[in-house]
Amino acid sequence: MNLLVSIHNKVFDMVEMGGNWLLPLFARFTFAATLLIYYWNSGLTKLGDGLFGLFSPSIGAYSQIFPKQLEAAGYDASQLGFFHWLVVMAGTYAEFLLPLLIVIGLATRLAALGMIGFVIVQSLTDIYGHGATDEKTLGAWFDRFPDAVIMDQRLFWVLTLTIVVIKGAGFLSVDALLRRRSETLAVA
């Protein structure tokens, strides 16, 4: 029996050591494979027309982020204030910048933490702003249906991002490259 326990411990000690460098890389790959294009496409819908669309969000941006306020303003975004513009622009830029930082592995923990906040705000906007309270969309934990968009899917998104927050970007990242470079300079 001791032999089996010893073999078990040695095997899973090696798995754990490998997981310390593989898990963050796999979490970033999972994010890139499933959410990078999702967020970039969402960000593109928020940009206005032409080159200056980077600074002039589309009506769709306001309708996605501030649906009730835009409706109250008669769907005239010019009736909304500087605060609304600032939030829309910050959210739009975040949809491009934070996923990019996670994928390349630069300031990865902060970017993943920012994305967790983004997912929470996105979910709350879907629920309270867009009224996504039907059972199929909202869902519930500990039920027999694992396919709800908000409660089920986004929990997996947050788990993936939490792995990155806790473990970092992993060995194949700009963060690791910068860390190795700073360690080399510190020794010299």
N, C-alpha and C. Protein backbone atom coordinates (compact mmCIF):
# COMPACT_ATOMS: atom_id res chain seq x y z
N MET A 1 0.82 -1.20 0.00
CA MET A 1 0.00 0.00 0.00
C MET A 1 0.87 1.26 0.00
N ASN A 2 1.95 1.24 0.79
CA ASN A 2 2.85 2.39 0.83
C ASN A 2 3.46 2.66 -0.53
N LEU A 3 3.74 1.59 -1.28
CA LEU A 3 4.31 1.74 -2.62
C LEU A 3 3.33 2.47 -3.53
N LEU A 4 2.06 2.10 -3.48
CA LEU A 4 1.05 2.77 -4.31
C LEU A 4 0.92 4.25 -3.94
N VAL A 5 0.92 4.55 -2.65
CA VAL A 5 0.83 5.93 -2.20
C VAL A 5 2.06 6.71 -2.67
N SER A 6 3.22 6.10 -2.57
CA SER A 6 4.46 6.75 -3.00
C SER A 6 4.45 7.03 -4.50
N ILE A 7 4.00 6.05 -5.31
CA ILE A 7 3.91 6.24 -6.76
C ILE A 7 2.91 7.35 -7.08
N HIS A 8 1.77 7.29 -6.43
CA HIS A 8 0.73 8.32 -6.61
C HIS A 8 1.31 9.71 -6.33
N ASN A 9 1.98 9.85 -5.18
CA ASN A 9 2.52 11.15 -4.79
C ASN A 9 3.58 11.65 -5.78
N LYS A 10 4.45 10.75 -6.24
CA LYS A 10 5.49 11.16 -7.19
C LYS A 10 4.88 11.59 -8.52
N VAL A 11 3.93 10.84 -9.00
CA VAL A 11 3.29 11.18 -10.28
C VAL A 11 2.60 12.53 -10.19
N PHE A 12 1.82 12.73 -9.14
CA PHE A 12 1.06 13.98 -9.05
C PHE A 12 1.90 15.16 -8.59
N ASP A 13 3.05 14.90 -7.97
CA ASP A 13 4.00 15.99 -7.72
C ASP A 13 4.55 16.50 -9.05
N MET A 14 4.84 15.58 -9.98
CA MET A 14 5.31 15.99 -11.31
C MET A 14 4.21 16.72 -12.09
N VAL A 15 2.96 16.23 -11.97
CA VAL A 15 1.84 16.90 -12.63
C VAL A 15 1.70 18.32 -12.09
N GLU A 16 1.82 18.49 -10.78
CA GLU A 16 1.69 19.81 -10.18
C GLU A 16 2.82 20.74 -10.64
N MET A 17 4.03 20.23 -10.70
CA MET A 17 5.15 21.05 -11.17
C MET A 17 4.91 21.48 -12.62
N GLY A 18 4.49 20.56 -13.47
CA GLY A 18 4.19 20.89 -14.85
C GLY A 18 3.03 21.86 -14.97
N GLY A 19 2.06 21.69 -14.09
CA GLY A 19 0.89 22.56 -14.11
C GLY A 19 1.21 24.00 -13.76
N ASN A 20 2.24 24.22 -12.99
CA ASN A 20 2.61 25.59 -12.62
C ASN A 20 3.03 26.42 -13.83
N TRP A 21 3.59 25.79 -14.84
CA TRP A 21 3.92 26.56 -16.05
C TRP A 21 2.91 26.34 -17.17
N LEU A 22 2.22 25.19 -17.15
CA LEU A 22 1.27 24.90 -18.21
C LEU A 22 -0.10 25.55 -17.98
N LEU A 23 -0.57 25.58 -16.75
CA LEU A 23 -1.91 26.09 -16.45
C LEU A 23 -2.11 27.55 -16.87
N PRO A 24 -1.18 28.47 -16.55
CA PRO A 24 -1.40 29.86 -16.99
C PRO A 24 -1.38 29.99 -18.52
N LEU A 25 -0.51 29.26 -19.17
CA LEU A 25 -0.46 29.30 -20.63
C LEU A 25 -1.76 28.76 -21.22
N PHE A 26 -2.27 27.67 -20.67
CA PHE A 26 -3.51 27.09 -21.16
C PHE A 26 -4.70 28.01 -20.89
N ALA A 27 -4.70 28.69 -19.74
CA ALA A 27 -5.78 29.64 -19.44
C ALA A 27 -5.76 30.80 -20.43
N ARG A 28 -4.58 31.30 -20.76
CA ARG A 28 -4.49 32.39 -21.75
C ARG A 28 -4.89 31.89 -23.13
N PHE A 29 -4.51 30.67 -23.49
CA PHE A 29 -4.92 30.09 -24.77
C PHE A 29 -6.44 29.95 -24.83
N THR A 30 -7.04 29.47 -23.75
CA THR A 30 -8.49 29.31 -23.69
C THR A 30 -9.17 30.66 -23.86
N PHE A 31 -8.65 31.68 -23.20
CA PHE A 31 -9.20 33.03 -23.34
C PHE A 31 -9.10 33.49 -24.79
N ALA A 32 -7.92 33.31 -25.39
CA ALA A 32 -7.72 33.74 -26.78
C ALA A 32 -8.63 32.98 -27.74
N ALA A 33 -8.77 31.69 -27.53
CA ALA A 33 -9.56 30.85 -28.44
C ALA A 33 -11.05 31.11 -28.34
N THR A 34 -11.51 31.53 -27.17
CA THR A 34 -12.96 31.66 -26.98
C THR A 34 -13.45 33.09 -26.82
N LEU A 35 -12.64 34.00 -26.30
CA LEU A 35 -13.15 35.32 -25.95
C LEU A 35 -12.47 36.49 -26.65
N LEU A 36 -11.28 36.32 -27.19
CA LEU A 36 -10.57 37.43 -27.82
C LEU A 36 -11.39 38.03 -28.95
N ILE A 37 -11.80 37.23 -29.91
CA ILE A 37 -12.55 37.73 -31.07
C ILE A 37 -13.94 38.20 -30.64
N TYR A 38 -14.53 37.54 -29.66
CA TYR A 38 -15.83 37.97 -29.13
C TYR A 38 -15.75 39.42 -28.65
N TYR A 39 -14.74 39.72 -27.83
CA TYR A 39 -14.62 41.07 -27.29
C TYR A 39 -14.19 42.08 -28.36
N TRP A 40 -13.30 41.70 -29.25
CA TRP A 40 -12.89 42.63 -30.30
C TRP A 40 -14.06 42.96 -31.23
N ASN A 41 -14.86 41.96 -31.59
CA ASN A 41 -16.04 42.24 -32.42
C ASN A 41 -17.02 43.13 -31.68
N SER A 42 -17.19 42.90 -30.40
CA SER A 42 -18.07 43.75 -29.61
C SER A 42 -17.54 45.18 -29.58
N GLY A 43 -16.24 45.34 -29.42
CA GLY A 43 -15.64 46.66 -29.43
C GLY A 43 -15.82 47.36 -30.77
N LEU A 44 -15.71 46.61 -31.86
CA LEU A 44 -15.88 47.20 -33.20
C LEU A 44 -17.28 47.76 -33.40
N THR A 45 -18.28 47.12 -32.78
CA THR A 45 -19.65 47.62 -32.93
C THR A 45 -19.85 48.95 -32.22
N LYS A 46 -18.94 49.28 -31.34
CA LYS A 46 -19.07 50.51 -30.55
C LYS A 46 -18.35 51.70 -31.18
N LEU A 47 -17.49 51.45 -32.16
CA LEU A 47 -16.75 52.53 -32.79
C LEU A 47 -17.63 53.26 -33.78
N GLY A 48 -17.44 54.58 -33.85
CA GLY A 48 -18.16 55.38 -34.83
C GLY A 48 -17.54 55.21 -36.21
N ASP A 49 -18.05 55.96 -37.17
CA ASP A 49 -17.58 55.86 -38.55
C ASP A 49 -16.27 56.60 -38.75
N GLY A 50 -15.46 56.07 -39.67
CA GLY A 50 -14.23 56.74 -40.08
C GLY A 50 -13.14 56.69 -39.03
N LEU A 51 -12.07 57.42 -39.34
CA LEU A 51 -10.92 57.47 -38.45
C LEU A 51 -11.26 58.06 -37.09
N PHE A 52 -12.12 59.07 -37.09
CA PHE A 52 -12.49 59.72 -35.83
C PHE A 52 -13.52 58.91 -35.04
N GLY A 53 -13.92 57.77 -35.58
CA GLY A 53 -14.80 56.87 -34.85
C GLY A 53 -14.16 56.32 -33.59
N LEU A 54 -12.83 56.42 -33.51
CA LEU A 54 -12.12 56.02 -32.29
C LEU A 54 -12.48 56.92 -31.12
N PHE A 55 -12.94 58.14 -31.42
CA PHE A 55 -13.27 59.11 -30.37
C PHE A 55 -14.75 59.45 -30.36
N SER A 56 -15.49 58.91 -31.31
CA SER A 56 -16.91 59.20 -31.42
C SER A 56 -17.66 57.87 -31.48
N PRO A 57 -18.12 57.39 -30.33
CA PRO A 57 -18.77 56.08 -30.31
C PRO A 57 -20.07 56.05 -31.11
N SER A 58 -20.41 54.87 -31.57
CA SER A 58 -21.64 54.68 -32.33
C SER A 58 -22.85 54.72 -31.40
N ILE A 59 -24.01 54.88 -31.98
CA ILE A 59 -25.26 54.84 -31.21
C ILE A 59 -25.42 53.47 -30.57
N GLY A 60 -24.88 52.44 -31.24
CA GLY A 60 -24.93 51.09 -30.70
C GLY A 60 -24.15 50.96 -29.40
N ALA A 61 -23.07 51.73 -29.28
CA ALA A 61 -22.28 51.69 -28.05
C ALA A 61 -23.11 52.16 -26.87
N TYR A 62 -23.81 53.26 -27.07
CA TYR A 62 -24.66 53.78 -26.00
C TYR A 62 -25.82 52.83 -25.71
N SER A 63 -26.37 52.22 -26.76
CA SER A 63 -27.50 51.32 -26.55
C SER A 63 -27.07 50.04 -25.84
N GLN A 64 -25.82 49.63 -26.02
CA GLN A 64 -25.34 48.44 -25.33
C GLN A 64 -25.00 48.72 -23.86
N ILE A 65 -24.43 49.88 -23.61
CA ILE A 65 -23.93 50.17 -22.26
C ILE A 65 -24.96 50.94 -21.41
N PHE A 66 -25.69 51.85 -22.02
CA PHE A 66 -26.69 52.66 -21.31
C PHE A 66 -28.05 52.56 -22.00
N PRO A 67 -28.64 51.37 -22.06
CA PRO A 67 -29.88 51.23 -22.84
C PRO A 67 -31.04 52.07 -22.31
N LYS A 68 -31.23 52.11 -21.02
CA LYS A 68 -32.38 52.85 -20.47
C LYS A 68 -32.17 54.36 -20.57
N GLN A 69 -30.94 54.81 -20.34
CA GLN A 69 -30.66 56.24 -20.44
C GLN A 69 -30.79 56.72 -21.88
N LEU A 70 -30.36 55.91 -22.84
CA LEU A 70 -30.47 56.29 -24.25
C LEU A 70 -31.93 56.35 -24.67
N GLU A 71 -32.71 55.39 -24.20
CA GLU A 71 -34.14 55.41 -24.51
C GLU A 71 -34.80 56.66 -23.93
N ALA A 72 -34.44 57.00 -22.70
CA ALA A 72 -35.00 58.19 -22.07
C ALA A 72 -34.61 59.47 -22.81
N ALA A 73 -33.45 59.43 -23.49
CA ALA A 73 -32.99 60.60 -24.25
C ALA A 73 -33.52 60.57 -25.68
N GLY A 74 -34.49 59.73 -25.96
CA GLY A 74 -35.07 59.65 -27.29
C GLY A 74 -34.10 59.12 -28.33
N TYR A 75 -33.18 58.27 -27.90
CA TYR A 75 -32.16 57.68 -28.77
C TYR A 75 -31.29 58.73 -29.45
N ASP A 76 -31.12 59.84 -28.76
CA ASP A 76 -30.23 60.91 -29.22
C ASP A 76 -29.04 60.94 -28.27
N ALA A 77 -27.94 60.33 -28.69
CA ALA A 77 -26.76 60.22 -27.82
C ALA A 77 -26.20 61.57 -27.43
N SER A 78 -26.45 62.60 -28.22
CA SER A 78 -25.94 63.93 -27.89
C SER A 78 -26.62 64.49 -26.62
N GLN A 79 -27.73 63.90 -26.23
CA GLN A 79 -28.43 64.32 -25.01
C GLN A 79 -27.79 63.74 -23.75
N LEU A 80 -26.92 62.74 -23.93
CA LEU A 80 -26.22 62.15 -22.80
C LEU A 80 -24.97 62.97 -22.51
N GLY A 81 -24.49 62.89 -21.29
CA GLY A 81 -23.40 63.76 -20.87
C GLY A 81 -22.01 63.18 -21.07
N PHE A 82 -21.05 63.96 -20.59
CA PHE A 82 -19.64 63.59 -20.67
C PHE A 82 -19.37 62.27 -19.96
N PHE A 83 -20.01 62.06 -18.82
CA PHE A 83 -19.84 60.81 -18.07
C PHE A 83 -20.19 59.61 -18.94
N HIS A 84 -21.31 59.67 -19.63
CA HIS A 84 -21.73 58.56 -20.49
C HIS A 84 -20.71 58.32 -21.60
N TRP A 85 -20.25 59.40 -22.22
CA TRP A 85 -19.24 59.29 -23.28
C TRP A 85 -17.98 58.64 -22.72
N LEU A 86 -17.55 59.09 -21.55
CA LEU A 86 -16.32 58.56 -20.93
C LEU A 86 -16.45 57.07 -20.63
N VAL A 87 -17.57 56.67 -20.07
CA VAL A 87 -17.78 55.25 -19.76
C VAL A 87 -17.82 54.42 -21.03
N VAL A 88 -18.51 54.90 -22.05
CA VAL A 88 -18.59 54.18 -23.32
C VAL A 88 -17.21 54.05 -23.95
N MET A 89 -16.44 55.12 -23.94
CA MET A 89 -15.10 55.07 -24.54
C MET A 89 -14.18 54.15 -23.74
N ALA A 90 -14.24 54.23 -22.42
CA ALA A 90 -13.40 53.36 -21.58
C ALA A 90 -13.77 51.90 -21.80
N GLY A 91 -15.07 51.62 -21.85
CA GLY A 91 -15.51 50.24 -22.10
C GLY A 91 -15.10 49.74 -23.46
N THR A 92 -15.18 50.61 -24.46
CA THR A 92 -14.79 50.22 -25.82
C THR A 92 -13.31 49.93 -25.89
N TYR A 93 -12.50 50.84 -25.37
CA TYR A 93 -11.05 50.62 -25.39
C TYR A 93 -10.67 49.38 -24.58
N ALA A 94 -11.37 49.17 -23.46
CA ALA A 94 -11.08 47.99 -22.64
C ALA A 94 -11.33 46.69 -23.40
N GLU A 95 -12.34 46.69 -24.28
CA GLU A 95 -12.63 45.48 -25.05
C GLU A 95 -11.52 45.15 -26.05
N PHE A 96 -10.73 46.11 -26.41
CA PHE A 96 -9.59 45.86 -27.29
C PHE A 96 -8.31 45.63 -26.50
N LEU A 97 -8.04 46.50 -25.55
CA LEU A 97 -6.75 46.50 -24.87
C LEU A 97 -6.58 45.35 -23.87
N LEU A 98 -7.56 45.14 -22.99
CA LEU A 98 -7.41 44.10 -21.97
C LEU A 98 -7.24 42.70 -22.57
N PRO A 99 -8.06 42.29 -23.54
CA PRO A 99 -7.82 40.98 -24.15
C PRO A 99 -6.45 40.87 -24.83
N LEU A 100 -6.02 41.93 -25.49
CA LEU A 100 -4.70 41.91 -26.13
C LEU A 100 -3.60 41.71 -25.10
N LEU A 101 -3.67 42.43 -23.98
CA LEU A 101 -2.67 42.29 -22.93
C LEU A 101 -2.64 40.87 -22.37
N ILE A 102 -3.80 40.27 -22.20
CA ILE A 102 -3.86 38.89 -21.70
C ILE A 102 -3.23 37.93 -22.69
N VAL A 103 -3.55 38.07 -23.95
CA VAL A 103 -3.06 37.13 -24.96
C VAL A 103 -1.55 37.23 -25.12
N ILE A 104 -0.98 38.43 -25.15
CA ILE A 104 0.47 38.55 -25.30
C ILE A 104 1.19 38.36 -23.97
N GLY A 105 0.46 38.45 -22.87
CA GLY A 105 1.06 38.23 -21.56
C GLY A 105 1.81 39.43 -21.03
N LEU A 106 1.24 40.61 -21.17
CA LEU A 106 1.86 41.84 -20.66
C LEU A 106 0.93 42.47 -19.63
N ALA A 107 1.46 42.74 -18.43
CA ALA A 107 0.63 43.23 -17.32
C ALA A 107 -0.59 42.31 -17.18
N THR A 108 -0.33 41.03 -17.28
CA THR A 108 -1.38 40.03 -17.45
C THR A 108 -2.30 39.93 -16.25
N ARG A 109 -1.73 39.93 -15.07
CA ARG A 109 -2.58 39.81 -13.88
C ARG A 109 -3.53 40.99 -13.76
N LEU A 110 -3.02 42.19 -13.98
CA LEU A 110 -3.89 43.38 -13.92
C LEU A 110 -4.93 43.35 -15.03
N ALA A 111 -4.53 42.94 -16.22
CA ALA A 111 -5.48 42.87 -17.34
C ALA A 111 -6.57 41.84 -17.06
N ALA A 112 -6.20 40.70 -16.49
CA ALA A 112 -7.18 39.67 -16.16
C ALA A 112 -8.12 40.15 -15.06
N LEU A 113 -7.57 40.86 -14.10
CA LEU A 113 -8.41 41.43 -13.04
C LEU A 113 -9.38 42.46 -13.64
N GLY A 114 -8.89 43.27 -14.56
CA GLY A 114 -9.75 44.22 -15.25
C GLY A 114 -10.84 43.52 -16.04
N MET A 115 -10.51 42.41 -16.69
CA MET A 115 -11.51 41.66 -17.45
C MET A 115 -12.55 41.03 -16.54
N ILE A 116 -12.15 40.60 -15.35
CA ILE A 116 -13.13 40.07 -14.40
C ILE A 116 -14.13 41.17 -14.04
N GLY A 117 -13.62 42.36 -13.75
CA GLY A 117 -14.51 43.49 -13.48
C GLY A 117 -15.40 43.79 -14.67
N PHE A 118 -14.83 43.70 -15.88
CA PHE A 118 -15.58 43.96 -17.10
C PHE A 118 -16.72 42.94 -17.25
N VAL A 119 -16.44 41.67 -17.00
CA VAL A 119 -17.45 40.62 -17.13
C VAL A 119 -18.57 40.85 -16.11
N ILE A 120 -18.21 41.27 -14.92
CA ILE A 120 -19.22 41.54 -13.89
C ILE A 120 -20.11 42.71 -14.32
N VAL A 121 -19.50 43.80 -14.78
CA VAL A 121 -20.28 44.95 -15.23
C VAL A 121 -21.13 44.58 -16.45
N GLN A 122 -20.55 43.81 -17.36
CA GLN A 122 -21.28 43.35 -18.54
C GLN A 122 -22.51 42.55 -18.13
N SER A 123 -22.34 41.66 -17.17
CA SER A 123 -23.44 40.82 -16.71
C SER A 123 -24.52 41.65 -16.02
N LEU A 124 -24.11 42.59 -15.18
CA LEU A 124 -25.08 43.45 -14.50
C LEU A 124 -25.83 44.33 -15.50
N THR A 125 -25.13 44.81 -16.53
CA THR A 125 -25.78 45.60 -17.58
C THR A 125 -26.80 44.74 -18.33
N ASP A 126 -26.43 43.50 -18.61
CA ASP A 126 -27.37 42.61 -19.29
C ASP A 126 -28.62 42.38 -18.45
N ILE A 127 -28.43 42.22 -17.15
CA ILE A 127 -29.56 41.93 -16.27
C ILE A 127 -30.41 43.17 -16.02
N TYR A 128 -29.78 44.25 -15.57
CA TYR A 128 -30.55 45.43 -15.16
C TYR A 128 -30.81 46.41 -16.30
N GLY A 129 -29.88 46.50 -17.24
CA GLY A 129 -30.06 47.43 -18.34
C GLY A 129 -30.90 46.87 -19.47
N HIS A 130 -30.66 45.59 -19.78
CA HIS A 130 -31.35 44.97 -20.91
C HIS A 130 -32.46 44.02 -20.47
N GLY A 131 -32.59 43.80 -19.16
CA GLY A 131 -33.67 42.95 -18.66
C GLY A 131 -33.50 41.47 -19.01
N ALA A 132 -32.26 41.01 -19.07
CA ALA A 132 -32.01 39.60 -19.40
C ALA A 132 -32.24 38.74 -18.16
N THR A 133 -33.50 38.60 -17.81
CA THR A 133 -33.83 37.85 -16.60
C THR A 133 -34.59 36.55 -16.89
N ASP A 134 -34.75 36.23 -18.20
CA ASP A 134 -35.41 34.97 -18.50
C ASP A 134 -34.51 33.82 -18.06
N GLU A 135 -35.12 32.71 -17.73
CA GLU A 135 -34.39 31.57 -17.16
C GLU A 135 -33.30 31.05 -18.08
N LYS A 136 -33.54 31.02 -19.38
CA LYS A 136 -32.57 30.49 -20.33
C LYS A 136 -31.31 31.37 -20.41
N THR A 137 -31.48 32.68 -20.39
CA THR A 137 -30.34 33.59 -20.49
C THR A 137 -29.64 33.77 -19.16
N LEU A 138 -30.40 34.05 -18.11
CA LEU A 138 -29.81 34.28 -16.80
C LEU A 138 -29.32 32.98 -16.18
N GLY A 139 -30.17 31.98 -16.17
CA GLY A 139 -29.79 30.69 -15.61
C GLY A 139 -29.71 30.71 -14.10
N ALA A 140 -29.21 29.62 -13.57
CA ALA A 140 -29.03 29.47 -12.13
C ALA A 140 -27.95 28.44 -11.89
N TRP A 141 -27.19 28.65 -10.83
CA TRP A 141 -26.19 27.65 -10.47
C TRP A 141 -26.89 26.49 -9.77
N PHE A 142 -26.28 25.34 -9.83
CA PHE A 142 -26.75 24.13 -9.17
C PHE A 142 -28.09 23.64 -9.72
N ASP A 143 -28.38 24.01 -10.97
CA ASP A 143 -29.54 23.41 -11.62
C ASP A 143 -29.01 22.36 -12.59
N ARG A 144 -29.85 21.75 -13.35
CA ARG A 144 -29.39 20.68 -14.24
C ARG A 144 -29.04 21.16 -15.64
N PHE A 145 -29.09 22.49 -15.86
CA PHE A 145 -28.84 23.04 -17.18
C PHE A 145 -27.56 23.89 -17.14
N PRO A 146 -26.50 23.46 -17.83
CA PRO A 146 -25.23 24.18 -17.77
C PRO A 146 -25.02 25.20 -18.89
N ASP A 147 -26.09 25.63 -19.55
CA ASP A 147 -25.90 26.42 -20.77
C ASP A 147 -26.40 27.86 -20.70
N ALA A 148 -26.69 28.36 -19.52
CA ALA A 148 -27.15 29.75 -19.42
C ALA A 148 -26.00 30.70 -19.72
N VAL A 149 -26.32 31.76 -20.45
CA VAL A 149 -25.28 32.69 -20.89
C VAL A 149 -24.63 33.42 -19.72
N ILE A 150 -25.43 33.89 -18.78
CA ILE A 150 -24.88 34.75 -17.74
C ILE A 150 -24.32 33.96 -16.56
N MET A 151 -25.12 33.21 -15.88
CA MET A 151 -24.66 32.54 -14.67
C MET A 151 -23.66 31.40 -14.96
N ASP A 152 -23.90 30.64 -16.01
CA ASP A 152 -23.04 29.48 -16.27
C ASP A 152 -21.80 29.83 -17.09
N GLN A 153 -22.00 30.36 -18.29
CA GLN A 153 -20.86 30.64 -19.17
C GLN A 153 -19.91 31.65 -18.54
N ARG A 154 -20.44 32.70 -18.00
CA ARG A 154 -19.56 33.74 -17.48
C ARG A 154 -18.83 33.32 -16.21
N LEU A 155 -19.35 32.35 -15.50
CA LEU A 155 -18.61 31.79 -14.38
C LEU A 155 -17.34 31.10 -14.88
N PHE A 156 -17.44 30.39 -15.99
CA PHE A 156 -16.25 29.77 -16.58
C PHE A 156 -15.27 30.84 -17.07
N TRP A 157 -15.79 31.92 -17.63
CA TRP A 157 -14.91 33.01 -18.06
C TRP A 157 -14.12 33.56 -16.87
N VAL A 158 -14.83 33.80 -15.77
CA VAL A 158 -14.19 34.35 -14.57
C VAL A 158 -13.20 33.35 -13.98
N LEU A 159 -13.52 32.07 -14.01
CA LEU A 159 -12.57 31.06 -13.53
C LEU A 159 -11.28 31.10 -14.35
N THR A 160 -11.41 31.14 -15.66
CA THR A 160 -10.24 31.19 -16.53
C THR A 160 -9.40 32.43 -16.22
N LEU A 161 -10.05 33.56 -16.06
CA LEU A 161 -9.33 34.79 -15.75
C LEU A 161 -8.73 34.77 -14.35
N THR A 162 -9.40 34.13 -13.40
CA THR A 162 -8.87 34.01 -12.05
C THR A 162 -7.59 33.19 -12.02
N ILE A 163 -7.52 32.15 -12.83
CA ILE A 163 -6.28 31.37 -12.94
C ILE A 163 -5.14 32.28 -13.36
N VAL A 164 -5.39 33.16 -14.32
CA VAL A 164 -4.35 34.08 -14.78
C VAL A 164 -3.99 35.09 -13.69
N VAL A 165 -4.98 35.58 -12.96
CA VAL A 165 -4.69 36.52 -11.86
C VAL A 165 -3.80 35.84 -10.82
N ILE A 166 -4.09 34.60 -10.47
CA ILE A 166 -3.35 33.91 -9.41
C ILE A 166 -2.00 33.39 -9.90
N LYS A 167 -1.97 32.77 -11.06
CA LYS A 167 -0.75 32.12 -11.55
C LYS A 167 0.13 33.03 -12.41
N GLY A 168 -0.43 34.12 -12.91
CA GLY A 168 0.33 34.98 -13.81
C GLY A 168 0.18 34.51 -15.25
N ALA A 169 1.05 35.01 -16.11
CA ALA A 169 0.96 34.75 -17.54
C ALA A 169 1.61 33.44 -17.96
N GLY A 170 2.50 32.93 -17.15
CA GLY A 170 3.21 31.71 -17.52
C GLY A 170 4.54 32.03 -18.20
N PHE A 171 5.24 30.99 -18.58
CA PHE A 171 6.61 31.14 -19.08
C PHE A 171 6.68 31.74 -20.48
N LEU A 172 5.64 31.56 -21.28
CA LEU A 172 5.64 32.05 -22.66
C LEU A 172 4.82 33.34 -22.72
N SER A 173 5.44 34.45 -22.27
CA SER A 173 4.72 35.72 -22.18
C SER A 173 5.72 36.87 -22.15
N VAL A 174 5.21 38.04 -22.43
CA VAL A 174 6.06 39.24 -22.33
C VAL A 174 6.43 39.47 -20.87
N ASP A 175 5.50 39.21 -19.94
CA ASP A 175 5.82 39.36 -18.51
C ASP A 175 7.03 38.51 -18.13
N ALA A 176 7.06 37.25 -18.57
CA ALA A 176 8.18 36.35 -18.24
C ALA A 176 9.47 36.84 -18.89
N LEU A 177 9.37 37.31 -20.11
CA LEU A 177 10.54 37.85 -20.81
C LEU A 177 11.10 39.05 -20.05
N LEU A 178 10.25 39.96 -19.64
CA LEU A 178 10.68 41.13 -18.89
C LEU A 178 11.25 40.75 -17.53
N ARG A 179 10.64 39.75 -16.88
CA ARG A 179 11.14 39.28 -15.59
C ARG A 179 12.54 38.68 -15.73
N ARG A 180 12.72 37.84 -16.76
CA ARG A 180 14.05 37.24 -16.99
C ARG A 180 15.07 38.32 -17.30
N ARG A 181 14.68 39.30 -18.08
CA ARG A 181 15.60 40.39 -18.45
C ARG A 181 15.97 41.20 -17.21
N SER A 182 15.02 41.51 -16.35
CA SER A 182 15.32 42.29 -15.15
C SER A 182 16.19 41.50 -14.18
N GLU A 183 15.99 40.18 -14.11
CA GLU A 183 16.83 39.34 -13.25
C GLU A 183 18.26 39.30 -13.78
N THR A 184 18.41 39.26 -15.10
CA THR A 184 19.74 39.26 -15.72
C THR A 184 20.44 40.58 -15.45
N LEU A 185 19.71 41.68 -15.56
CA LEU A 185 20.31 43.00 -15.30
C LEU A 185 20.65 43.18 -13.82
N ALA A 186 19.84 42.58 -12.94
CA ALA A 186 20.08 42.69 -11.50
C ALA A 186 21.35 41.94 -11.10
N VAL A 187 21.61 40.82 -11.78
CA VAL A 187 22.80 40.03 -11.47
C VAL A 187 24.05 40.75 -11.98
N ALA A 188 23.94 41.43 -13.09
CA ALA A 188 25.11 42.08 -13.71
C ALA A 188 25.59 43.27 -12.98
